[in-house]
Amino acid sequence: MSTKTIYDFKALEFSGNYKSLSDFQGKVLLIVNTASGCYFRKQFKTLEKLYQQYKDQGFEILAFPSNDFANQEPRTGLNLETYCRIQEGITFPVFKRIHIKGEFVDPLYKFLSDKDENGVVNSVPLWNFHKYLIDRDGKVVDFYYSFTSPLSSTIIRQIESLLQK
């Protein structure tokens, strides 16, 4: 079993600074790869609704835009940040665009998707809006495919259970 947690990683902010994921220690996290040109982009609204519902209880969503599937995230930098904040109304953290699969996969996503790394799940994202649920200790608990709504009873039940621990 892996002793690594997501707290061992960092993410690049739009400002160009790295944010240590240890800053989210003690929170329940939903980590999602996003793309503004994807059919599933309507999940931005449901992700924001989920975030607003649970953020005061120690819940956080971390979005990682990626252009790895059918070039559905052509935006970068300020253009991407503006789209997420203004057009989609997202208030949860969104990081700079990364690779979530393949030869240049970001180390965080290698950890999230590989059972040899995280000790729990084997699930490389098959498309945009693949979701990973992380417990308060920074460990991967579960994953959900793109077609699973962020407001599904399964996700909500698991988040509520983790928030009570």
C-alpha atoms as a PDB file:
ATOM      1  CA  MET A   1       0.000   0.000   0.000  1.00  0.00           C
ATOM      2  CA  SER A   2       1.279   3.434  -0.941  1.00  0.00           C
ATOM      3  CA  THR A   3       2.290   5.903   1.742  1.00  0.00           C
ATOM      4  CA  LYS A   4       1.931   8.800  -0.681  1.00  0.00           C
ATOM      5  CA  THR A   5      -1.020  11.170  -0.484  1.00  0.00           C
ATOM      6  CA  ILE A   6      -2.137  14.021  -2.688  1.00  0.00           C
ATOM      7  CA  TYR A   7      -0.397  16.299  -0.189  1.00  0.00           C
ATOM      8  CA  ASP A   8       2.909  15.207  -1.763  1.00  0.00           C
ATOM      9  CA  PHE A   9       2.025  17.117  -4.948  1.00  0.00           C
ATOM     10  CA  LYS A  10       1.697  20.685  -6.128  1.00  0.00           C
ATOM     11  CA  ALA A  11      -0.350  22.388  -8.819  1.00  0.00           C
ATOM     12  CA  LEU A  12       0.455  25.345 -11.044  1.00  0.00           C
ATOM     13  CA  GLU A  13      -1.841  28.316 -10.523  1.00  0.00           C
ATOM     14  CA  PHE A  14      -2.728  30.818 -13.236  1.00  0.00           C
ATOM     15  CA  SER A  15      -0.472  33.317 -11.445  1.00  0.00           C
ATOM     16  CA  GLY A  16       2.503  31.096 -12.290  1.00  0.00           C
ATOM     17  CA  ASN A  17       2.999  30.107  -8.645  1.00  0.00           C
ATOM     18  CA  TYR A  18       2.866  26.540  -7.422  1.00  0.00           C
ATOM     19  CA  LYS A  19       0.272  25.692  -4.799  1.00  0.00           C
ATOM     20  CA  SER A  20       1.069  22.817  -2.502  1.00  0.00           C
ATOM     21  CA  LEU A  21      -1.871  20.455  -2.249  1.00  0.00           C
ATOM     22  CA  SER A  22      -0.955  20.118   1.433  1.00  0.00           C
ATOM     23  CA  ASP A  23      -2.761  23.478   1.744  1.00  0.00           C
ATOM     24  CA  PHE A  24      -5.972  21.405   1.428  1.00  0.00           C
ATOM     25  CA  GLN A  25      -5.012  19.064   4.262  1.00  0.00           C
ATOM     26  CA  GLY A  26      -7.977  17.983   6.382  1.00  0.00           C
ATOM     27  CA  LYS A  27     -10.523  18.620   3.599  1.00  0.00           C
ATOM     28  CA  VAL A  28     -12.556  16.213   1.518  1.00  0.00           C
ATOM     29  CA  LEU A  29     -11.666  16.823  -2.130  1.00  0.00           C
ATOM     30  CA  LEU A  30     -13.175  16.141  -5.505  1.00  0.00           C
ATOM     31  CA  ILE A  31     -10.509  16.419  -8.207  1.00  0.00           C
ATOM     32  CA  VAL A  32     -11.828  16.823 -11.760  1.00  0.00           C
ATOM     33  CA  ASN A  33     -10.201  17.155 -15.188  1.00  0.00           C
ATOM     34  CA  THR A  34     -12.168  19.722 -17.164  1.00  0.00           C
ATOM     35  CA  ALA A  35     -12.472  21.052 -20.711  1.00  0.00           C
ATOM     36  CA  SER A  36     -14.466  24.089 -21.825  1.00  0.00           C
ATOM     37  CA  GLY A  37     -15.282  22.627 -25.245  1.00  0.00           C
ATOM     38  CA  CYS A  38     -16.606  19.324 -23.951  1.00  0.00           C
ATOM     39  CA  TYR A  39     -20.229  18.175 -23.967  1.00  0.00           C
ATOM     40  CA  PHE A  40     -19.867  17.533 -20.215  1.00  0.00           C
ATOM     41  CA  ARG A  41     -18.962  21.198 -19.549  1.00  0.00           C
ATOM     42  CA  LYS A  42     -22.527  21.586 -18.241  1.00  0.00           C
ATOM     43  CA  GLN A  43     -21.072  19.864 -15.166  1.00  0.00           C
ATOM     44  CA  PHE A  44     -19.306  23.137 -14.312  1.00  0.00           C
ATOM     45  CA  LYS A  45     -22.681  24.374 -13.004  1.00  0.00           C
ATOM     46  CA  THR A  46     -23.383  21.219 -10.992  1.00  0.00           C
ATOM     47  CA  LEU A  47     -19.832  21.160  -9.636  1.00  0.00           C
ATOM     48  CA  GLU A  48     -20.271  24.761  -8.466  1.00  0.00           C
ATOM     49  CA  LYS A  49     -23.608  23.861  -6.865  1.00  0.00           C
ATOM     50  CA  LEU A  50     -21.985  20.904  -5.069  1.00  0.00           C
ATOM     51  CA  TYR A  51     -19.130  23.134  -3.937  1.00  0.00           C
ATOM     52  CA  GLN A  52     -21.485  25.789  -2.550  1.00  0.00           C
ATOM     53  CA  GLN A  53     -23.480  23.122  -0.729  1.00  0.00           C
ATOM     54  CA  TYR A  54     -20.518  21.601   1.146  1.00  0.00           C
ATOM     55  CA  LYS A  55     -17.625  24.101   1.139  1.00  0.00           C
ATOM     56  CA  ASP A  56     -18.369  25.341   4.660  1.00  0.00           C
ATOM     57  CA  GLN A  57     -18.163  21.765   5.952  1.00  0.00           C
ATOM     58  CA  GLY A  58     -14.594  21.153   4.779  1.00  0.00           C
ATOM     59  CA  PHE A  59     -15.167  20.223   1.133  1.00  0.00           C
ATOM     60  CA  GLU A  60     -13.186  21.505  -1.836  1.00  0.00           C
ATOM     61  CA  ILE A  61     -13.210  20.920  -5.582  1.00  0.00           C
ATOM     62  CA  LEU A  62      -9.975  21.182  -7.550  1.00  0.00           C
ATOM     63  CA  ALA A  63     -10.277  21.540 -11.329  1.00  0.00           C
ATOM     64  CA  PHE A  64      -7.478  20.615 -13.699  1.00  0.00           C
ATOM     65  CA  PRO A  65      -8.182  21.655 -17.304  1.00  0.00           C
ATOM     66  CA  SER A  66      -6.732  19.344 -19.916  1.00  0.00           C
ATOM     67  CA  ASN A  67      -6.600  19.267 -23.698  1.00  0.00           C
ATOM     68  CA  ASP A  68      -5.910  15.517 -23.819  1.00  0.00           C
ATOM     69  CA  PHE A  69      -9.276  14.458 -25.252  1.00  0.00           C
ATOM     70  CA  ALA A  70     -10.179  15.611 -28.775  1.00  0.00           C
ATOM     71  CA  ASN A  71      -8.532  19.015 -28.186  1.00  0.00           C
ATOM     72  CA  GLN A  72     -11.567  20.130 -26.191  1.00  0.00           C
ATOM     73  CA  GLU A  73      -9.623  22.597 -24.032  1.00  0.00           C
ATOM     74  CA  PRO A  74      -7.995  24.990 -26.497  1.00  0.00           C
ATOM     75  CA  ARG A  75      -7.922  27.835 -23.965  1.00  0.00           C
ATOM     76  CA  THR A  76      -4.844  28.593 -21.879  1.00  0.00           C
ATOM     77  CA  GLY A  77      -3.737  31.195 -19.365  1.00  0.00           C
ATOM     78  CA  LEU A  78      -5.905  34.251 -18.789  1.00  0.00           C
ATOM     79  CA  ASN A  79      -8.341  33.177 -21.520  1.00  0.00           C
ATOM     80  CA  LEU A  80      -8.980  29.896 -19.672  1.00  0.00           C
ATOM     81  CA  GLU A  81      -9.136  31.488 -16.226  1.00  0.00           C
ATOM     82  CA  THR A  82     -11.578  34.149 -17.463  1.00  0.00           C
ATOM     83  CA  TYR A  83     -13.784  31.520 -19.088  1.00  0.00           C
ATOM     84  CA  CYS A  84     -13.959  29.480 -15.867  1.00  0.00           C
ATOM     85  CA  ARG A  85     -14.557  32.448 -13.550  1.00  0.00           C
ATOM     86  CA  ILE A  86     -16.801  34.672 -15.686  1.00  0.00           C
ATOM     87  CA  GLN A  87     -18.613  32.430 -18.156  1.00  0.00           C
ATOM     88  CA  GLU A  88     -19.031  29.399 -15.901  1.00  0.00           C
ATOM     89  CA  GLY A  89     -19.125  31.260 -12.570  1.00  0.00           C
ATOM     90  CA  ILE A  90     -16.678  28.883 -10.890  1.00  0.00           C
ATOM     91  CA  THR A  91     -15.437  29.909  -7.449  1.00  0.00           C
ATOM     92  CA  PHE A  92     -13.501  26.732  -6.551  1.00  0.00           C
ATOM     93  CA  PRO A  93      -9.794  26.440  -7.449  1.00  0.00           C
ATOM     94  CA  VAL A  94      -8.952  25.943 -11.118  1.00  0.00           C
ATOM     95  CA  PHE A  95      -5.345  25.308 -12.065  1.00  0.00           C
ATOM     96  CA  LYS A  96      -3.349  25.719 -15.257  1.00  0.00           C
ATOM     97  CA  ARG A  97      -3.907  23.249 -18.056  1.00  0.00           C
ATOM     98  CA  ILE A  98      -2.040  19.943 -17.636  1.00  0.00           C
ATOM     99  CA  HIS A  99      -1.708  16.512 -19.198  1.00  0.00           C
ATOM    100  CA  ILE A 100      -3.732  13.917 -17.359  1.00  0.00           C
ATOM    101  CA  LYS A 101      -2.710  10.876 -19.392  1.00  0.00           C
ATOM    102  CA  GLY A 102       0.007   9.710 -21.728  1.00  0.00           C
ATOM    103  CA  GLU A 103       3.740  10.229 -21.872  1.00  0.00           C
ATOM    104  CA  PHE A 104       3.693  13.697 -20.277  1.00  0.00           C
ATOM    105  CA  VAL A 105       1.108  12.968 -17.568  1.00  0.00           C
ATOM    106  CA  ASP A 106       1.284  15.326 -14.599  1.00  0.00           C
ATOM    107  CA  PRO A 107       2.686  13.536 -11.501  1.00  0.00           C
ATOM    108  CA  LEU A 108      -0.561  14.198  -9.591  1.00  0.00           C
ATOM    109  CA  TYR A 109      -2.607  12.420 -12.247  1.00  0.00           C
ATOM    110  CA  LYS A 110      -0.140   9.542 -12.406  1.00  0.00           C
ATOM    111  CA  PHE A 111      -0.739   9.129  -8.677  1.00  0.00           C
ATOM    112  CA  LEU A 112      -4.530   9.505  -8.920  1.00  0.00           C
ATOM    113  CA  SER A 113      -4.964   7.006 -11.748  1.00  0.00           C
ATOM    114  CA  ASP A 114      -2.475   4.258 -10.879  1.00  0.00           C
ATOM    115  CA  LYS A 115      -3.139   1.684  -8.136  1.00  0.00           C
ATOM    116  CA  ASP A 116       0.615   1.087  -7.810  1.00  0.00           C
ATOM    117  CA  GLU A 117       0.892   4.777  -6.902  1.00  0.00           C
ATOM    118  CA  ASN A 118      -2.241   5.403  -4.794  1.00  0.00           C
ATOM    119  CA  GLY A 119      -2.841   1.924  -3.390  1.00  0.00           C
ATOM    120  CA  VAL A 120      -6.591   1.957  -4.103  1.00  0.00           C
ATOM    121  CA  VAL A 121      -7.824   2.561  -7.650  1.00  0.00           C
ATOM    122  CA  ASN A 122      -6.748   1.866 -11.198  1.00  0.00           C
ATOM    123  CA  SER A 123      -8.560   4.454 -13.272  1.00  0.00           C
ATOM    124  CA  VAL A 124      -6.911   6.517 -15.973  1.00  0.00           C
ATOM    125  CA  PRO A 125      -9.444   9.128 -17.149  1.00  0.00           C
ATOM    126  CA  LEU A 126     -11.193   8.032 -20.328  1.00  0.00           C
ATOM    127  CA  TRP A 127     -12.597  11.502 -21.018  1.00  0.00           C
ATOM    128  CA  ASN A 128     -13.055  14.989 -19.592  1.00  0.00           C
ATOM    129  CA  PHE A 129     -14.811  15.451 -16.228  1.00  0.00           C
ATOM    130  CA  HIS A 130     -13.468  12.233 -14.695  1.00  0.00           C
ATOM    131  CA  LYS A 131     -13.646  12.686 -10.929  1.00  0.00           C
ATOM    132  CA  TYR A 132     -11.550  11.428  -7.998  1.00  0.00           C
ATOM    133  CA  LEU A 133     -12.784  11.574  -4.410  1.00  0.00           C
ATOM    134  CA  ILE A 134     -10.110  12.179  -1.781  1.00  0.00           C
ATOM    135  CA  ASP A 135     -10.566  11.772   1.992  1.00  0.00           C
ATOM    136  CA  ARG A 136      -9.386  14.159   4.723  1.00  0.00           C
ATOM    137  CA  ASP A 137      -6.080  12.257   4.919  1.00  0.00           C
ATOM    138  CA  GLY A 138      -5.278  12.926   1.251  1.00  0.00           C
ATOM    139  CA  LYS A 139      -5.976   9.373   0.127  1.00  0.00           C
ATOM    140  CA  VAL A 140      -7.872   8.375  -3.006  1.00  0.00           C
ATOM    141  CA  VAL A 141     -11.199   6.832  -2.001  1.00  0.00           C
ATOM    142  CA  ASP A 142     -13.070   6.397  -5.290  1.00  0.00           C
ATOM    143  CA  PHE A 143     -13.493   7.677  -8.841  1.00  0.00           C
ATOM    144  CA  TYR A 144     -16.419   8.491 -11.105  1.00  0.00           C
ATOM    145  CA  TYR A 145     -16.620   8.465 -14.877  1.00  0.00           C
ATOM    146  CA  SER A 146     -17.528  11.556 -16.884  1.00  0.00           C
ATOM    147  CA  PHE A 147     -21.184  10.634 -17.240  1.00  0.00           C
ATOM    148  CA  THR A 148     -21.666  10.568 -13.442  1.00  0.00           C
ATOM    149  CA  SER A 149     -23.272  13.830 -12.379  1.00  0.00           C
ATOM    150  CA  PRO A 150     -21.493  15.665  -9.556  1.00  0.00           C
ATOM    151  CA  LEU A 151     -24.921  15.784  -7.869  1.00  0.00           C
ATOM    152  CA  SER A 152     -25.526  12.028  -8.134  1.00  0.00           C
ATOM    153  CA  SER A 153     -26.725  10.353  -4.965  1.00  0.00           C
ATOM    154  CA  THR A 154     -23.618   8.138  -4.975  1.00  0.00           C
ATOM    155  CA  ILE A 155     -21.202  11.085  -4.930  1.00  0.00           C
ATOM    156  CA  ILE A 156     -23.247  13.072  -2.408  1.00  0.00           C
ATOM    157  CA  ARG A 157     -23.576  10.068  -0.077  1.00  0.00           C
ATOM    158  CA  GLN A 158     -19.807   9.446  -0.176  1.00  0.00           C
ATOM    159  CA  ILE A 159     -18.959  13.129   0.366  1.00  0.00           C
ATOM    160  CA  GLU A 160     -21.346  13.379   3.314  1.00  0.00           C
ATOM    161  CA  SER A 161     -19.915  10.207   4.837  1.00  0.00           C
ATOM    162  CA  LEU A 162     -16.340  11.483   4.511  1.00  0.00           C
ATOM    163  CA  LEU A 163     -17.267  14.888   5.925  1.00  0.00           C
ATOM    164  CA  GLN A 164     -18.625  13.205   9.062  1.00  0.00           C
ATOM    165  CA  LYS A 165     -15.306  11.430   9.741  1.00  0.00           C
END
